[in-house]
Amino acid sequence: MLESTNKAQRDHIITLLWAIWGNRNTLLWQGVQRSLHDVVVFAQQYVHEFITVNGTLSKVTNRVRDAFKWVALLSGRLKLNFDGAFDPTSGRGAVGVVAKDADGGFVAAMAKSVREVQSVEHAEILAAPEGVTLALSLGIASPIFEGDSAVVVAAVKRAGQIYSNIGTIVEDVKHLQK
């Protein structure tokens, strides 16, 4: 189906599928469903706004892909990937960290359950200090941190005070990294 469409049509189709998936998740997790008309209008507006701000989707996709090419670590360095999960019905979550060496080999991992989690972002930020703690326990002074949440990773790397609801945890992570 997509082979017979041009790039602009594919961008719209893929965004519509994403909007339908988002509507399904909202219904599943929050019990709220938008009408099909609202989902289509949302997808059209989203693509229009995105192109207005960033140019075509394909240009942005290429920039993102080029910016995130895998680069091998220097010998002796450690990469820590942290992640969080959240169950909105119970308010519980889980955090985990996997440490890998320069060759991509497994070094260590940890996981634990956490209570009173408020959002996916909250679960992700709760995982970050666990990564720092794991690195310190392994004697690694300056690991490379990776996570699924661009917001959390950017906040941890950003200089200065963070004033959002994750600010105090981000400050703890920065302090642990010193």
C-alpha atoms as a PDB file:
ATOM      1  CA  MET A   1       0.000   0.000   0.000  1.00  0.00           C
ATOM      2  CA  LEU A   2       2.685   2.512   1.001  1.00  0.00           C
ATOM      3  CA  GLU A   3       4.771   1.747  -2.102  1.00  0.00           C
ATOM      4  CA  SER A   4       2.131   3.401  -4.306  1.00  0.00           C
ATOM      5  CA  THR A   5       2.119   6.660  -2.302  1.00  0.00           C
ATOM      6  CA  ASN A   6       4.391   9.677  -2.359  1.00  0.00           C
ATOM      7  CA  LYS A   7       6.406  10.833   0.676  1.00  0.00           C
ATOM      8  CA  ALA A   8       3.830  13.407   1.844  1.00  0.00           C
ATOM      9  CA  GLN A   9       1.037  10.821   1.707  1.00  0.00           C
ATOM     10  CA  ARG A  10       3.164   8.304   3.632  1.00  0.00           C
ATOM     11  CA  ASP A  11       3.883  10.932   6.299  1.00  0.00           C
ATOM     12  CA  HIS A  12       0.144  11.530   6.705  1.00  0.00           C
ATOM     13  CA  ILE A  13      -0.707   7.810   6.775  1.00  0.00           C
ATOM     14  CA  ILE A  14       1.956   6.999   9.352  1.00  0.00           C
ATOM     15  CA  THR A  15       0.928   9.947  11.526  1.00  0.00           C
ATOM     16  CA  LEU A  16      -2.720   8.858  11.304  1.00  0.00           C
ATOM     17  CA  LEU A  17      -1.767   5.324  12.390  1.00  0.00           C
ATOM     18  CA  TRP A  18       0.196   6.826  15.300  1.00  0.00           C
ATOM     19  CA  ALA A  19      -2.832   8.957  16.285  1.00  0.00           C
ATOM     20  CA  ILE A  20      -5.131   5.901  16.137  1.00  0.00           C
ATOM     21  CA  TRP A  21      -2.673   3.973  18.322  1.00  0.00           C
ATOM     22  CA  GLY A  22      -2.540   6.895  20.774  1.00  0.00           C
ATOM     23  CA  ASN A  23      -6.353   7.012  20.882  1.00  0.00           C
ATOM     24  CA  ARG A  24      -6.423   3.283  21.594  1.00  0.00           C
ATOM     25  CA  ASN A  25      -3.949   3.701  24.471  1.00  0.00           C
ATOM     26  CA  THR A  26      -5.931   6.604  25.915  1.00  0.00           C
ATOM     27  CA  LEU A  27      -9.058   4.437  25.845  1.00  0.00           C
ATOM     28  CA  LEU A  28      -7.217   1.473  27.358  1.00  0.00           C
ATOM     29  CA  TRP A  29      -5.439   3.345  30.156  1.00  0.00           C
ATOM     30  CA  GLN A  30      -7.731   6.289  30.879  1.00  0.00           C
ATOM     31  CA  GLY A  31     -11.134   5.129  29.599  1.00  0.00           C
ATOM     32  CA  VAL A  32     -11.419   8.146  27.280  1.00  0.00           C
ATOM     33  CA  GLN A  33     -11.967   7.816  23.545  1.00  0.00           C
ATOM     34  CA  ARG A  34     -11.979  10.529  20.891  1.00  0.00           C
ATOM     35  CA  SER A  35     -14.216  10.271  17.836  1.00  0.00           C
ATOM     36  CA  LEU A  36     -12.704   9.073  14.569  1.00  0.00           C
ATOM     37  CA  HIS A  37     -13.209  12.566  13.164  1.00  0.00           C
ATOM     38  CA  ASP A  38     -11.247  14.106  16.059  1.00  0.00           C
ATOM     39  CA  VAL A  39      -8.404  11.600  15.593  1.00  0.00           C
ATOM     40  CA  VAL A  40      -8.145  12.398  11.867  1.00  0.00           C
ATOM     41  CA  VAL A  41      -8.256  16.162  12.480  1.00  0.00           C
ATOM     42  CA  PHE A  42      -5.592  15.808  15.209  1.00  0.00           C
ATOM     43  CA  ALA A  43      -3.308  13.861  12.831  1.00  0.00           C
ATOM     44  CA  GLN A  44      -3.760  16.403  10.033  1.00  0.00           C
ATOM     45  CA  GLN A  45      -3.077  19.334  12.348  1.00  0.00           C
ATOM     46  CA  TYR A  46      -0.069  17.564  13.854  1.00  0.00           C
ATOM     47  CA  VAL A  47       1.536  16.993  10.441  1.00  0.00           C
ATOM     48  CA  HIS A  48       0.736  20.554   9.362  1.00  0.00           C
ATOM     49  CA  GLU A  49       2.254  22.077  12.531  1.00  0.00           C
ATOM     50  CA  PHE A  50       5.278  19.801  12.375  1.00  0.00           C
ATOM     51  CA  ILE A  51       6.027  20.685   8.757  1.00  0.00           C
ATOM     52  CA  THR A  52       5.445  24.389   9.449  1.00  0.00           C
ATOM     53  CA  VAL A  53       7.985  24.364  12.285  1.00  0.00           C
ATOM     54  CA  ASN A  54      10.539  21.820  11.042  1.00  0.00           C
ATOM     55  CA  GLY A  55      10.187  21.477   7.280  1.00  0.00           C
ATOM     56  CA  THR A  56       9.259  18.112   5.818  1.00  0.00           C
ATOM     57  CA  LEU A  57       9.078  15.049   8.040  1.00  0.00           C
ATOM     58  CA  SER A  58      11.665  13.231   5.922  1.00  0.00           C
ATOM     59  CA  LYS A  59      14.281  15.980   6.493  1.00  0.00           C
ATOM     60  CA  VAL A  60      13.747  15.785  10.252  1.00  0.00           C
ATOM     61  CA  THR A  61      13.801  11.975  10.222  1.00  0.00           C
ATOM     62  CA  ASN A  62      17.115  12.013   8.364  1.00  0.00           C
ATOM     63  CA  ARG A  63      18.596  14.537  10.822  1.00  0.00           C
ATOM     64  CA  VAL A  64      17.498  12.434  13.790  1.00  0.00           C
ATOM     65  CA  ARG A  65      18.829   9.214  12.259  1.00  0.00           C
ATOM     66  CA  ASP A  66      22.176  10.851  11.461  1.00  0.00           C
ATOM     67  CA  ALA A  67      22.441  12.380  14.955  1.00  0.00           C
ATOM     68  CA  PHE A  68      21.972   9.032  16.694  1.00  0.00           C
ATOM     69  CA  LYS A  69      24.371   6.745  14.851  1.00  0.00           C
ATOM     70  CA  TRP A  70      25.943   4.172  17.131  1.00  0.00           C
ATOM     71  CA  VAL A  71      29.524   4.917  18.126  1.00  0.00           C
ATOM     72  CA  ALA A  72      31.735   2.391  19.872  1.00  0.00           C
ATOM     73  CA  LEU A  73      32.807   3.280  23.395  1.00  0.00           C
ATOM     74  CA  LEU A  74      36.416   3.899  24.267  1.00  0.00           C
ATOM     75  CA  SER A  75      38.043   1.000  26.070  1.00  0.00           C
ATOM     76  CA  GLY A  76      37.394   1.134  29.803  1.00  0.00           C
ATOM     77  CA  ARG A  77      34.191   3.149  29.433  1.00  0.00           C
ATOM     78  CA  LEU A  78      30.811   1.887  30.571  1.00  0.00           C
ATOM     79  CA  LYS A  79      27.392   2.548  29.093  1.00  0.00           C
ATOM     80  CA  LEU A  80      24.374   2.494  31.409  1.00  0.00           C
ATOM     81  CA  ASN A  81      20.911   2.189  29.925  1.00  0.00           C
ATOM     82  CA  PHE A  82      18.166   3.045  32.411  1.00  0.00           C
ATOM     83  CA  ASP A  83      14.440   2.557  31.970  1.00  0.00           C
ATOM     84  CA  GLY A  84      11.237   2.930  33.939  1.00  0.00           C
ATOM     85  CA  ALA A  85       7.743   1.504  33.639  1.00  0.00           C
ATOM     86  CA  PHE A  86       4.466   2.725  35.093  1.00  0.00           C
ATOM     87  CA  ASP A  87       1.073   1.165  35.862  1.00  0.00           C
ATOM     88  CA  PRO A  88      -1.454   4.013  36.167  1.00  0.00           C
ATOM     89  CA  THR A  89      -4.111   1.810  37.779  1.00  0.00           C
ATOM     90  CA  SER A  90      -1.957   0.918  40.795  1.00  0.00           C
ATOM     91  CA  GLY A  91       0.478   3.848  40.867  1.00  0.00           C
ATOM     92  CA  ARG A  92       3.328   1.350  40.973  1.00  0.00           C
ATOM     93  CA  GLY A  93       6.255   1.113  38.665  1.00  0.00           C
ATOM     94  CA  ALA A  94       9.568  -0.538  38.064  1.00  0.00           C
ATOM     95  CA  VAL A  95      13.030   0.730  37.248  1.00  0.00           C
ATOM     96  CA  GLY A  96      15.970  -1.028  35.718  1.00  0.00           C
ATOM     97  CA  VAL A  97      19.529  -0.406  34.625  1.00  0.00           C
ATOM     98  CA  VAL A  98      21.815  -2.439  32.358  1.00  0.00           C
ATOM     99  CA  ALA A  99      25.552  -1.757  32.223  1.00  0.00           C
ATOM    100  CA  LYS A 100      27.569  -2.722  29.136  1.00  0.00           C
ATOM    101  CA  ASP A 101      31.256  -2.432  28.357  1.00  0.00           C
ATOM    102  CA  ALA A 102      32.955  -0.974  25.268  1.00  0.00           C
ATOM    103  CA  ASP A 103      32.373  -4.209  23.351  1.00  0.00           C
ATOM    104  CA  GLY A 104      28.664  -4.259  24.191  1.00  0.00           C
ATOM    105  CA  GLY A 105      29.168  -7.067  26.680  1.00  0.00           C
ATOM    106  CA  PHE A 106      27.029  -7.398  29.777  1.00  0.00           C
ATOM    107  CA  VAL A 107      28.644  -6.063  32.961  1.00  0.00           C
ATOM    108  CA  ALA A 108      25.855  -5.699  35.507  1.00  0.00           C
ATOM    109  CA  ALA A 109      22.158  -4.978  35.893  1.00  0.00           C
ATOM    110  CA  MET A 110      19.594  -4.087  38.503  1.00  0.00           C
ATOM    111  CA  ALA A 111      15.831  -3.832  38.702  1.00  0.00           C
ATOM    112  CA  LYS A 112      13.383  -2.994  41.414  1.00  0.00           C
ATOM    113  CA  SER A 113       9.768  -2.158  42.038  1.00  0.00           C
ATOM    114  CA  VAL A 114       8.839   1.384  43.078  1.00  0.00           C
ATOM    115  CA  ARG A 115       5.694   2.764  44.704  1.00  0.00           C
ATOM    116  CA  GLU A 116       3.783   6.015  44.309  1.00  0.00           C
ATOM    117  CA  VAL A 117       4.825   6.571  40.705  1.00  0.00           C
ATOM    118  CA  GLN A 118       2.890   9.398  39.082  1.00  0.00           C
ATOM    119  CA  SER A 119       3.740   9.051  35.387  1.00  0.00           C
ATOM    120  CA  VAL A 120       6.004   7.364  32.853  1.00  0.00           C
ATOM    121  CA  GLU A 121       8.341  10.365  33.067  1.00  0.00           C
ATOM    122  CA  HIS A 122       8.440   9.957  36.850  1.00  0.00           C
ATOM    123  CA  ALA A 123       9.345   6.254  36.490  1.00  0.00           C
ATOM    124  CA  GLU A 124      12.085   7.134  33.985  1.00  0.00           C
ATOM    125  CA  ILE A 125      13.628   9.759  36.268  1.00  0.00           C
ATOM    126  CA  LEU A 126      13.500   7.354  39.229  1.00  0.00           C
ATOM    127  CA  ALA A 127      15.633   4.956  37.171  1.00  0.00           C
ATOM    128  CA  ALA A 128      18.397   7.535  36.569  1.00  0.00           C
ATOM    129  CA  PRO A 129      19.790   7.665  40.153  1.00  0.00           C
ATOM    130  CA  GLU A 130      19.780   3.864  40.194  1.00  0.00           C
ATOM    131  CA  GLY A 131      22.093   4.029  37.178  1.00  0.00           C
ATOM    132  CA  VAL A 132      24.449   6.392  38.974  1.00  0.00           C
ATOM    133  CA  THR A 133      24.410   4.171  42.070  1.00  0.00           C
ATOM    134  CA  LEU A 134      25.199   1.099  39.942  1.00  0.00           C
ATOM    135  CA  ALA A 135      28.084   2.931  38.241  1.00  0.00           C
ATOM    136  CA  LEU A 136      29.510   4.013  41.609  1.00  0.00           C
ATOM    137  CA  SER A 137      29.262   0.456  42.957  1.00  0.00           C
ATOM    138  CA  LEU A 138      31.242  -0.729  39.906  1.00  0.00           C
ATOM    139  CA  GLY A 139      33.871   1.981  40.419  1.00  0.00           C
ATOM    140  CA  ILE A 140      33.054   3.724  37.131  1.00  0.00           C
ATOM    141  CA  ALA A 141      33.564   7.467  37.459  1.00  0.00           C
ATOM    142  CA  SER A 142      32.076   8.820  34.218  1.00  0.00           C
ATOM    143  CA  PRO A 143      29.701   6.396  32.538  1.00  0.00           C
ATOM    144  CA  ILE A 144      27.659   7.223  29.461  1.00  0.00           C
ATOM    145  CA  PHE A 145      23.962   7.352  30.329  1.00  0.00           C
ATOM    146  CA  GLU A 146      21.209   6.389  27.917  1.00  0.00           C
ATOM    147  CA  GLY A 147      17.485   6.207  28.450  1.00  0.00           C
ATOM    148  CA  ASP A 148      14.226   6.042  26.534  1.00  0.00           C
ATOM    149  CA  SER A 149      13.018   9.425  27.733  1.00  0.00           C
ATOM    150  CA  ALA A 150      14.654  12.264  25.823  1.00  0.00           C
ATOM    151  CA  VAL A 151      13.263  14.668  28.432  1.00  0.00           C
ATOM    152  CA  VAL A 152      15.004  12.867  31.296  1.00  0.00           C
ATOM    153  CA  VAL A 153      18.318  12.388  29.458  1.00  0.00           C
ATOM    154  CA  ALA A 154      18.364  16.057  28.408  1.00  0.00           C
ATOM    155  CA  ALA A 155      17.508  17.191  31.948  1.00  0.00           C
ATOM    156  CA  VAL A 156      20.354  15.153  33.440  1.00  0.00           C
ATOM    157  CA  LYS A 157      22.830  16.551  30.891  1.00  0.00           C
ATOM    158  CA  ARG A 158      21.577  20.164  31.081  1.00  0.00           C
ATOM    159  CA  ALA A 159      23.485  22.655  33.156  1.00  0.00           C
ATOM    160  CA  GLY A 160      21.621  24.735  35.697  1.00  0.00           C
ATOM    161  CA  GLN A 161      18.568  24.267  37.882  1.00  0.00           C
ATOM    162  CA  ILE A 162      15.557  22.278  36.661  1.00  0.00           C
ATOM    163  CA  TYR A 163      12.249  23.693  37.855  1.00  0.00           C
ATOM    164  CA  SER A 164       9.873  20.969  36.635  1.00  0.00           C
ATOM    165  CA  ASN A 165       8.386  18.233  38.807  1.00  0.00           C
ATOM    166  CA  ILE A 166      11.473  16.071  38.183  1.00  0.00           C
ATOM    167  CA  GLY A 167      13.934  18.804  39.179  1.00  0.00           C
ATOM    168  CA  THR A 168      14.866  17.520  42.637  1.00  0.00           C
ATOM    169  CA  ILE A 169      15.601  14.020  41.344  1.00  0.00           C
ATOM    170  CA  VAL A 170      17.652  15.444  38.461  1.00  0.00           C
ATOM    171  CA  GLU A 171      19.685  17.446  40.967  1.00  0.00           C
ATOM    172  CA  ASP A 172      20.266  14.268  43.000  1.00  0.00           C
ATOM    173  CA  VAL A 173      21.536  12.487  39.861  1.00  0.00           C
ATOM    174  CA  LYS A 174      23.877  15.365  39.040  1.00  0.00           C
ATOM    175  CA  HIS A 175      25.180  15.373  42.615  1.00  0.00           C
ATOM    176  CA  LEU A 176      25.792  11.602  42.544  1.00  0.00           C
ATOM    177  CA  GLN A 177      27.725  11.970  39.276  1.00  0.00           C
ATOM    178  CA  LYS A 178      30.255  14.392  40.815  1.00  0.00           C
END
